[in-house]
Amino acid sequence: MNDTAIKHLWDLIGAAIALDPAAYELAQTLPGGTQAALVIVLLAGLSQTLGQGIILFANRVKPLRFVLSMLLSAGLFGCSYFFWSLSTWLVCDWLLPAAVPFQAIYRTLALAFAPQLFGFLVALPYAGVTIGIVISIWTLLSSVRGLGVALGLAMWPAFWCTALGWVVFQILQRTIGRPVTAIARWLTNQTAGVVLVTNRKAWEFWLETEHSPAILAATGGAREASPQSNRPPNRDNQ
C-alpha cells in the first residue's frame, strides 16, 4: 500500500486546521508520519520567516544577509518547536499513568501547528497583533484536540498537558535557556549585520514617520540624515 502521511499531507493539514479528529488519528497510523511532521514544521517555519522578512526589510538588511537571516530564523523556529514538544512530552509522561512515546507527541504537535502556516500574516502592520492572537488560540485548540485523540484523553487532561507543557517550555526558556536565547539573538543580529529592531510598535512608528517628518519632529525623534536614520528607532529589541 502506498498510502502515506506525505501523500495525504495537504488533506491532513486542512483537516487539522478544521480541528477534525481524523487528522490526528491518521498522523499516528499512516506510514511516514514523522516525515510529514517535519514537513509541516518546515512550512510553518517558512511562513514565520516570511513574516520576519518584513522586519528585515524594515531594518534595511542587505540581500545576502536577508536570505541568510531568513534561513537562520526558520532553523531557530524548528529548534523552538522541538523543545516545546520535549517539554510537553515530559509533562505528559509525568501526569499520565501510562508511558507516552515521544513520537506521538512530536507528530501530534506538528500537525497542531497547521494554523501557523498563516504566521506570515502576523507581520502585517496594525492587524498583525490580532492575527497573532487568533493563530495562537487556534494552535492551542488544535494541540488540545490532537493530544486528546493521540493519547486517548478527555478534553481537560489534554488541555492541562498542553498548557503545562507550554508553561514548562516558557520557564526553561527564561531560566536555563536564557543563554541560548541570548546566543540566538546575537546570531540573528550578526547574520543581519545590524541590531534588528523587532518591537512591533517601533517599526510601525517607522512606517509612519518614514513618510511624515512632522510626526518625527513632534515626537522628538528627528535625526541627522544617515543610513541608520532610515531604520526604526531602537527602543526595544525584545
Protein backbone atom coordinates (compact mmCIF):
# COMPACT_ATOMS: atom_id res chain seq x y z
CA MET A 1 0.00 0.00 0.00
CA ASN A 2 1.36 3.44 -0.96
CA ASP A 3 -0.91 5.30 1.44
CA THR A 4 1.42 7.54 3.41
CA ALA A 5 1.10 10.68 5.52
CA ILE A 6 3.19 12.58 2.97
CA LYS A 7 0.79 11.62 0.19
CA HIS A 8 -2.12 12.98 2.21
CA LEU A 9 -0.18 15.92 3.66
CA TRP A 10 -2.47 18.69 2.45
CA ASP A 11 -5.57 16.74 3.43
CA LEU A 12 -4.09 16.29 6.92
CA ILE A 13 -3.23 19.98 7.17
CA GLY A 14 -6.69 21.05 6.04
CA ALA A 15 -8.36 18.65 8.48
CA ALA A 16 -6.12 19.84 11.35
CA ILE A 17 -6.97 23.46 10.60
CA ALA A 18 -10.64 22.44 10.80
CA LEU A 19 -9.87 20.60 14.11
CA ASP A 20 -11.01 17.31 12.60
CA PRO A 21 -10.05 14.43 14.97
CA ALA A 22 -9.50 12.12 11.99
CA ALA A 23 -6.40 14.11 11.02
CA TYR A 24 -4.64 13.28 14.29
CA GLU A 25 -5.59 9.62 14.09
CA LEU A 26 -4.17 9.35 10.57
CA ALA A 27 -1.00 11.17 11.60
CA GLN A 28 -0.33 8.40 14.12
CA THR A 29 -1.31 5.43 11.95
CA LEU A 30 -0.19 6.30 8.43
CA PRO A 31 3.39 5.41 7.44
CA GLY A 32 5.66 8.42 7.14
CA GLY A 33 4.00 10.35 9.95
CA THR A 34 7.32 11.61 11.29
CA GLN A 35 8.41 12.83 7.86
CA ALA A 36 5.08 14.59 7.41
CA ALA A 37 5.57 16.24 10.82
CA LEU A 38 8.96 17.55 9.73
CA VAL A 39 7.47 18.99 6.53
CA ILE A 40 4.68 20.74 8.45
CA VAL A 41 7.17 22.27 10.89
CA LEU A 42 9.33 23.36 7.95
CA LEU A 43 6.37 25.00 6.24
CA ALA A 44 5.28 26.71 9.46
CA GLY A 45 8.83 27.94 9.99
CA LEU A 46 8.93 29.23 6.42
CA SER A 47 5.69 31.12 6.99
CA GLN A 48 7.10 32.68 10.16
CA THR A 49 10.26 33.51 8.26
CA LEU A 50 8.31 35.33 5.55
CA GLY A 51 6.87 37.50 8.29
CA GLN A 52 10.39 38.03 9.62
CA GLY A 53 11.34 39.13 6.12
CA ILE A 54 9.22 42.26 6.52
CA ILE A 55 11.14 43.17 9.66
CA LEU A 56 14.43 42.53 7.86
CA PHE A 57 13.28 44.78 5.03
CA ALA A 58 12.32 47.49 7.50
CA ASN A 59 15.80 47.24 9.04
CA ARG A 60 17.44 47.70 5.63
CA VAL A 61 19.25 44.35 5.72
CA LYS A 62 21.39 43.66 2.64
CA PRO A 63 20.19 40.97 0.16
CA LEU A 64 22.66 38.19 1.03
CA ARG A 65 22.26 38.76 4.75
CA PHE A 66 18.50 38.90 4.17
CA VAL A 67 18.49 35.33 2.79
CA LEU A 68 20.85 34.03 5.48
CA SER A 69 18.74 35.67 8.19
CA MET A 70 15.58 34.03 6.88
CA LEU A 71 17.26 30.60 6.85
CA LEU A 72 18.52 31.15 10.40
CA SER A 73 15.04 32.24 11.52
CA ALA A 74 13.49 29.08 10.08
CA GLY A 75 16.11 26.94 11.85
CA LEU A 76 15.51 28.66 15.18
CA PHE A 77 11.78 28.11 14.76
CA GLY A 78 12.37 24.38 14.27
CA CYS A 79 14.57 24.22 17.38
CA SER A 80 11.94 26.05 19.42
CA TYR A 81 9.27 23.60 18.25
CA PHE A 82 11.44 20.61 19.18
CA PHE A 83 11.99 21.84 22.74
CA TRP A 84 8.31 22.65 23.14
CA SER A 85 7.50 19.09 22.08
CA LEU A 86 10.07 17.79 24.55
CA SER A 87 8.63 19.80 27.45
CA THR A 88 5.11 18.64 26.59
CA TRP A 89 6.29 15.04 26.44
CA LEU A 90 7.93 15.36 29.88
CA VAL A 91 4.71 16.77 31.34
CA CYS A 92 2.59 14.03 29.76
CA ASP A 93 4.98 11.35 30.97
CA TRP A 94 4.77 12.81 34.49
CA LEU A 95 0.99 13.34 34.61
CA LEU A 96 -0.27 10.26 32.81
CA PRO A 97 -0.13 6.73 34.26
CA ALA A 98 0.99 5.08 31.02
CA ALA A 99 4.25 5.79 29.22
CA VAL A 100 3.88 8.26 26.37
CA PRO A 101 6.02 7.79 23.25
CA PHE A 102 7.81 10.99 22.22
CA GLN A 103 7.00 10.26 18.58
CA ALA A 104 3.26 10.55 19.31
CA ILE A 105 3.76 13.97 20.88
CA TYR A 106 6.06 15.12 18.10
CA ARG A 107 3.68 14.11 15.32
CA THR A 108 0.63 15.49 17.08
CA LEU A 109 2.05 18.89 17.90
CA ALA A 110 3.50 19.23 14.41
CA LEU A 111 0.04 18.72 12.94
CA ALA A 112 -1.40 21.08 15.55
CA PHE A 113 0.97 23.69 14.13
CA ALA A 114 -1.07 23.78 10.91
CA PRO A 115 -2.61 27.18 11.78
CA GLN A 116 0.94 28.53 11.99
CA LEU A 117 1.03 28.30 8.19
CA PHE A 118 -0.75 31.65 8.34
CA GLY A 119 2.06 33.01 10.53
CA PHE A 120 3.36 35.31 7.81
CA LEU A 121 0.27 37.48 8.36
CA VAL A 122 1.47 38.33 11.88
CA ALA A 123 3.98 40.77 10.40
CA LEU A 124 1.22 42.93 8.92
CA PRO A 125 1.27 46.38 10.49
CA TYR A 126 -1.58 47.15 12.89
CA ALA A 127 -3.57 43.96 12.20
CA GLY A 128 -0.67 41.63 12.98
CA VAL A 129 -1.16 41.53 16.75
CA THR A 130 -4.81 40.48 16.42
CA ILE A 131 -3.97 37.89 13.79
CA GLY A 132 -1.21 36.53 16.02
CA ILE A 133 -3.62 36.10 18.94
CA VAL A 134 -6.12 34.27 16.72
CA ILE A 135 -3.40 31.95 15.39
CA SER A 136 -2.12 31.24 18.92
CA ILE A 137 -5.59 30.34 20.19
CA TRP A 138 -6.20 28.26 17.08
CA THR A 139 -2.94 26.39 17.64
CA LEU A 140 -3.81 25.81 21.30
CA LEU A 141 -7.21 24.34 20.39
CA SER A 142 -5.58 22.17 17.74
CA SER A 143 -2.98 20.94 20.26
CA VAL A 144 -5.62 20.07 22.85
CA ARG A 145 -7.72 18.24 20.27
CA GLY A 146 -4.67 16.45 18.88
CA LEU A 147 -3.34 15.24 22.24
CA GLY A 148 -6.81 14.11 23.22
CA VAL A 149 -7.06 11.96 20.10
CA ALA A 150 -3.45 10.70 20.05
CA LEU A 151 -3.33 9.78 23.75
CA GLY A 152 -6.98 8.91 24.28
CA LEU A 153 -7.54 11.74 26.76
CA ALA A 154 -10.63 13.72 27.68
CA MET A 155 -10.61 17.43 26.96
CA TRP A 156 -9.38 18.68 30.36
CA PRO A 157 -6.46 16.26 30.79
CA ALA A 158 -5.41 17.08 27.22
CA PHE A 159 -5.71 20.79 27.99
CA TRP A 160 -3.56 20.55 31.12
CA CYS A 161 -0.90 18.50 29.33
CA THR A 162 -0.77 21.13 26.59
CA ALA A 163 -0.88 24.14 28.91
CA LEU A 164 1.67 22.81 31.40
CA GLY A 165 3.94 21.74 28.57
CA TRP A 166 3.87 25.31 27.28
CA VAL A 167 4.45 26.71 30.80
CA VAL A 168 7.44 24.41 31.36
CA PHE A 169 8.85 25.45 28.00
CA GLN A 170 8.45 29.15 28.88
CA ILE A 171 10.07 28.66 32.30
CA LEU A 172 13.01 26.78 30.83
CA GLN A 173 13.37 29.40 28.11
CA ARG A 174 13.52 32.20 30.68
CA THR A 175 15.84 30.42 33.13
CA ILE A 176 18.40 27.90 31.95
CA GLY A 177 17.51 28.76 28.36
CA ARG A 178 18.41 32.46 28.69
CA PRO A 179 21.99 31.94 27.45
CA VAL A 180 20.60 30.04 24.45
CA THR A 181 18.13 32.85 23.77
CA ALA A 182 20.91 35.42 24.03
CA ILE A 183 23.08 33.42 21.63
CA ALA A 184 20.16 33.11 19.19
CA ARG A 185 19.59 36.88 19.33
CA TRP A 186 23.31 37.51 18.85
CA LEU A 187 23.42 35.15 15.86
CA THR A 188 20.38 36.85 14.37
CA ASN A 189 21.92 40.32 14.67
CA GLN A 190 25.31 39.12 13.41
CA THR A 191 23.71 37.43 10.41
CA ALA A 192 21.63 40.51 9.61
CA GLY A 193 24.63 42.80 10.04
CA VAL A 194 22.60 45.25 12.16
CA VAL A 195 20.97 45.26 15.58
CA LEU A 196 17.46 44.33 14.49
CA VAL A 197 14.53 46.32 15.78
CA THR A 198 11.83 43.68 16.18
CA ASN A 199 9.48 45.53 18.53
CA ARG A 200 6.21 45.97 16.61
CA LYS A 201 5.42 49.45 17.91
CA ALA A 202 8.89 50.65 17.00
CA TRP A 203 8.74 49.65 13.37
CA GLU A 204 5.10 50.65 12.97
CA PHE A 205 6.30 54.04 14.22
CA TRP A 206 8.95 53.89 11.50
CA LEU A 207 6.31 53.19 8.84
CA GLU A 208 4.51 56.35 9.88
CA THR A 209 7.48 58.66 10.36
CA GLU A 210 9.23 57.46 7.21
CA HIS A 211 6.67 59.49 5.28
CA SER A 212 5.83 62.08 7.92
CA PRO A 213 8.68 64.34 9.08
CA ALA A 214 6.15 66.35 11.08
CA ILE A 215 5.32 63.34 13.25
CA LEU A 216 9.01 62.56 13.63
CA ALA A 217 9.80 66.10 14.78
CA ALA A 218 6.78 66.22 17.10
CA THR A 219 7.94 63.10 18.92
CA GLY A 220 11.45 64.43 19.36
CA GLY A 221 12.85 61.75 17.04
CA ALA A 222 14.42 63.97 14.39
CA ARG A 223 17.76 62.52 13.36
CA GLU A 224 20.51 63.61 11.02
CA ALA A 225 20.32 62.03 7.59
CA SER A 226 22.34 58.83 7.62
CA PRO A 227 21.88 55.18 6.57
CA GLN A 228 20.81 54.40 10.13
CA SER A 229 18.15 57.13 10.12
CA ASN A 230 16.02 55.05 7.80
CA ARG A 231 15.72 52.31 10.40
CA PRO A 232 13.08 52.16 13.13
CA PRO A 233 14.08 53.73 16.46
CA ASN A 234 15.86 51.11 18.52
CA ARG A 235 13.53 51.18 21.54
CA ASP A 236 13.19 47.57 22.37
CA ASN A 237 14.74 44.54 20.74
CA GLN A 238 12.90 42.04 22.89
